[in-house]
Amino acid sequence: MLIQYAVLLLFYASHGSLAEIELTQPDMPTGSESQWIWIEGNTVTSLQVIGSGHPSKRVFDRAVLTIDGERGELQWPNGRSEVLSINSARTLRPDFRRLVHQHLN
């Protein structure tokens, strides 16, 4: 059975997309824990939340997300920074949607 998911929050950046997703399997309880993923090129990277002391900040194992309304910034440990803009339609590009399906299945 293919794993299905819903996009809860989606940000676009010049190099990729950051998405918060929730698995939507019939046998899973509603409101199960969400997952964050970074999609870039031909890869999907899972980001584990390790802290969120403030609603506008998420600390992941591999990056830090700061949200300010419709914009955000994803900072990587190597100094790279991604400027993010929210996609209110929460629709992944077709190639990214395919990558996420491969990643989850």
C-alpha atoms as a PDB file:
ATOM      1  CA  MET A   1       0.000   0.000   0.000  1.00  0.00           C
ATOM      2  CA  LEU A   2       1.319   3.425  -0.941  1.00  0.00           C
ATOM      3  CA  ILE A   3       1.778   5.892   1.888  1.00  0.00           C
ATOM      4  CA  GLN A   4      -0.368   8.985   1.421  1.00  0.00           C
ATOM      5  CA  TYR A   5       0.267  12.378   2.981  1.00  0.00           C
ATOM      6  CA  ALA A   6      -1.163  15.866   3.280  1.00  0.00           C
ATOM      7  CA  VAL A   7       0.942  19.010   3.024  1.00  0.00           C
ATOM      8  CA  LEU A   8       0.282  21.119   6.126  1.00  0.00           C
ATOM      9  CA  LEU A   9       2.725  23.930   5.385  1.00  0.00           C
ATOM     10  CA  LEU A  10       4.831  24.612   2.301  1.00  0.00           C
ATOM     11  CA  PHE A  11       7.623  27.101   1.699  1.00  0.00           C
ATOM     12  CA  TYR A  12       9.381  27.755  -1.601  1.00  0.00           C
ATOM     13  CA  ALA A  13      13.026  28.790  -1.890  1.00  0.00           C
ATOM     14  CA  SER A  14      15.330  29.367  -4.828  1.00  0.00           C
ATOM     15  CA  HIS A  15      17.032  25.969  -4.256  1.00  0.00           C
ATOM     16  CA  GLY A  16      14.122  23.847  -3.057  1.00  0.00           C
ATOM     17  CA  SER A  17      11.041  23.538  -0.904  1.00  0.00           C
ATOM     18  CA  LEU A  18      10.436  23.014   2.796  1.00  0.00           C
ATOM     19  CA  ALA A  19       7.269  21.133   3.703  1.00  0.00           C
ATOM     20  CA  GLU A  20       5.532  20.032   6.843  1.00  0.00           C
ATOM     21  CA  ILE A  21       3.565  16.886   6.017  1.00  0.00           C
ATOM     22  CA  GLU A  22       1.249  14.521   7.839  1.00  0.00           C
ATOM     23  CA  LEU A  23       0.737  10.901   6.870  1.00  0.00           C
ATOM     24  CA  THR A  24      -2.897  10.181   5.980  1.00  0.00           C
ATOM     25  CA  GLN A  25      -3.246   6.419   6.076  1.00  0.00           C
ATOM     26  CA  PRO A  26      -6.691   4.964   6.891  1.00  0.00           C
ATOM     27  CA  ASP A  27      -5.249   2.964   9.817  1.00  0.00           C
ATOM     28  CA  MET A  28      -3.490   5.991  11.364  1.00  0.00           C
ATOM     29  CA  PRO A  29      -5.144   8.158  14.007  1.00  0.00           C
ATOM     30  CA  THR A  30      -6.209  11.639  12.899  1.00  0.00           C
ATOM     31  CA  GLY A  31      -3.784  14.332  13.972  1.00  0.00           C
ATOM     32  CA  SER A  32      -0.747  12.051  14.042  1.00  0.00           C
ATOM     33  CA  GLU A  33       2.646  13.690  14.328  1.00  0.00           C
ATOM     34  CA  SER A  34       3.791  15.782  11.402  1.00  0.00           C
ATOM     35  CA  GLN A  35       7.127  15.500   9.605  1.00  0.00           C
ATOM     36  CA  TRP A  36       9.312  18.210   8.078  1.00  0.00           C
ATOM     37  CA  ILE A  37      11.171  17.589   4.824  1.00  0.00           C
ATOM     38  CA  TRP A  38      13.549  19.616   2.659  1.00  0.00           C
ATOM     39  CA  ILE A  39      13.273  18.852  -1.062  1.00  0.00           C
ATOM     40  CA  GLU A  40      16.119  19.952  -3.328  1.00  0.00           C
ATOM     41  CA  GLY A  41      17.368  18.702  -6.666  1.00  0.00           C
ATOM     42  CA  ASN A  42      16.730  14.956  -6.643  1.00  0.00           C
ATOM     43  CA  THR A  43      16.807  14.479  -2.876  1.00  0.00           C
ATOM     44  CA  VAL A  44      14.433  14.602   0.062  1.00  0.00           C
ATOM     45  CA  THR A  45      15.928  15.190   3.511  1.00  0.00           C
ATOM     46  CA  SER A  46      13.959  14.510   6.687  1.00  0.00           C
ATOM     47  CA  LEU A  47      14.366  17.188   9.350  1.00  0.00           C
ATOM     48  CA  GLN A  48      13.733  16.135  12.934  1.00  0.00           C
ATOM     49  CA  VAL A  49      12.398  18.836  15.264  1.00  0.00           C
ATOM     50  CA  ILE A  50      14.617  19.056  18.343  1.00  0.00           C
ATOM     51  CA  GLY A  51      13.312  22.346  19.713  1.00  0.00           C
ATOM     52  CA  SER A  52      10.696  25.018  19.188  1.00  0.00           C
ATOM     53  CA  GLY A  53      10.843  27.434  22.078  1.00  0.00           C
ATOM     54  CA  HIS A  54       8.944  30.090  20.152  1.00  0.00           C
ATOM     55  CA  PRO A  55       6.063  29.632  17.647  1.00  0.00           C
ATOM     56  CA  SER A  56       8.041  31.394  14.924  1.00  0.00           C
ATOM     57  CA  LYS A  57      11.151  29.217  15.310  1.00  0.00           C
ATOM     58  CA  ARG A  58      11.812  25.516  14.737  1.00  0.00           C
ATOM     59  CA  VAL A  59      15.160  23.962  15.542  1.00  0.00           C
ATOM     60  CA  PHE A  60      15.824  20.850  13.493  1.00  0.00           C
ATOM     61  CA  ASP A  61      18.658  18.355  13.727  1.00  0.00           C
ATOM     62  CA  ARG A  62      20.120  19.762  10.473  1.00  0.00           C
ATOM     63  CA  ALA A  63      18.852  23.365  10.224  1.00  0.00           C
ATOM     64  CA  VAL A  64      16.962  26.200  11.949  1.00  0.00           C
ATOM     65  CA  LEU A  65      13.722  27.623  10.572  1.00  0.00           C
ATOM     66  CA  THR A  66      12.564  31.134  11.451  1.00  0.00           C
ATOM     67  CA  ILE A  67       9.094  32.194  10.284  1.00  0.00           C
ATOM     68  CA  ASP A  68       7.885  35.783   9.998  1.00  0.00           C
ATOM     69  CA  GLY A  69       4.358  35.861   8.583  1.00  0.00           C
ATOM     70  CA  GLU A  70       4.452  34.858   4.915  1.00  0.00           C
ATOM     71  CA  ARG A  71       8.258  34.621   4.844  1.00  0.00           C
ATOM     72  CA  GLY A  72      10.870  32.505   6.497  1.00  0.00           C
ATOM     73  CA  GLU A  73      14.521  31.615   6.558  1.00  0.00           C
ATOM     74  CA  LEU A  74      16.151  28.206   6.779  1.00  0.00           C
ATOM     75  CA  GLN A  75      19.706  28.331   8.120  1.00  0.00           C
ATOM     76  CA  TRP A  76      22.054  25.389   7.673  1.00  0.00           C
ATOM     77  CA  PRO A  77      25.065  24.673   9.943  1.00  0.00           C
ATOM     78  CA  ASN A  78      27.493  25.298   7.051  1.00  0.00           C
ATOM     79  CA  GLY A  79      26.327  28.941   6.871  1.00  0.00           C
ATOM     80  CA  ARG A  80      24.055  28.502   3.878  1.00  0.00           C
ATOM     81  CA  SER A  81      20.734  30.283   4.224  1.00  0.00           C
ATOM     82  CA  GLU A  82      17.521  29.825   2.251  1.00  0.00           C
ATOM     83  CA  VAL A  83      15.007  32.672   2.000  1.00  0.00           C
ATOM     84  CA  LEU A  84      11.546  31.113   2.048  1.00  0.00           C
ATOM     85  CA  SER A  85       8.126  32.282   0.943  1.00  0.00           C
ATOM     86  CA  ILE A  86       4.954  30.494   1.930  1.00  0.00           C
ATOM     87  CA  ASN A  87       2.868  28.699  -0.680  1.00  0.00           C
ATOM     88  CA  SER A  88      -0.666  29.093   0.611  1.00  0.00           C
ATOM     89  CA  ALA A  89      -1.993  26.554  -1.933  1.00  0.00           C
ATOM     90  CA  ARG A  90       0.327  23.928  -0.332  1.00  0.00           C
ATOM     91  CA  THR A  91       0.906  22.333  -3.734  1.00  0.00           C
ATOM     92  CA  LEU A  92       4.248  20.686  -4.456  1.00  0.00           C
ATOM     93  CA  ARG A  93       5.699  20.888  -7.949  1.00  0.00           C
ATOM     94  CA  PRO A  94       5.104  17.592  -9.828  1.00  0.00           C
ATOM     95  CA  ASP A  95       8.792  16.571  -9.709  1.00  0.00           C
ATOM     96  CA  PHE A  96       8.972  17.271  -5.950  1.00  0.00           C
ATOM     97  CA  ARG A  97       5.694  15.396  -5.364  1.00  0.00           C
ATOM     98  CA  ARG A  98       7.228  12.355  -7.119  1.00  0.00           C
ATOM     99  CA  LEU A  99      10.358  12.600  -4.934  1.00  0.00           C
ATOM    100  CA  VAL A 100       8.303  12.776  -1.732  1.00  0.00           C
ATOM    101  CA  HIS A 101       6.285   9.691  -2.772  1.00  0.00           C
ATOM    102  CA  GLN A 102       9.547   7.809  -3.429  1.00  0.00           C
ATOM    103  CA  HIS A 103      10.974   8.986  -0.094  1.00  0.00           C
ATOM    104  CA  LEU A 104       7.921   7.844   1.894  1.00  0.00           C
ATOM    105  CA  ASN A 105       7.418   4.574   0.075  1.00  0.00           C
END
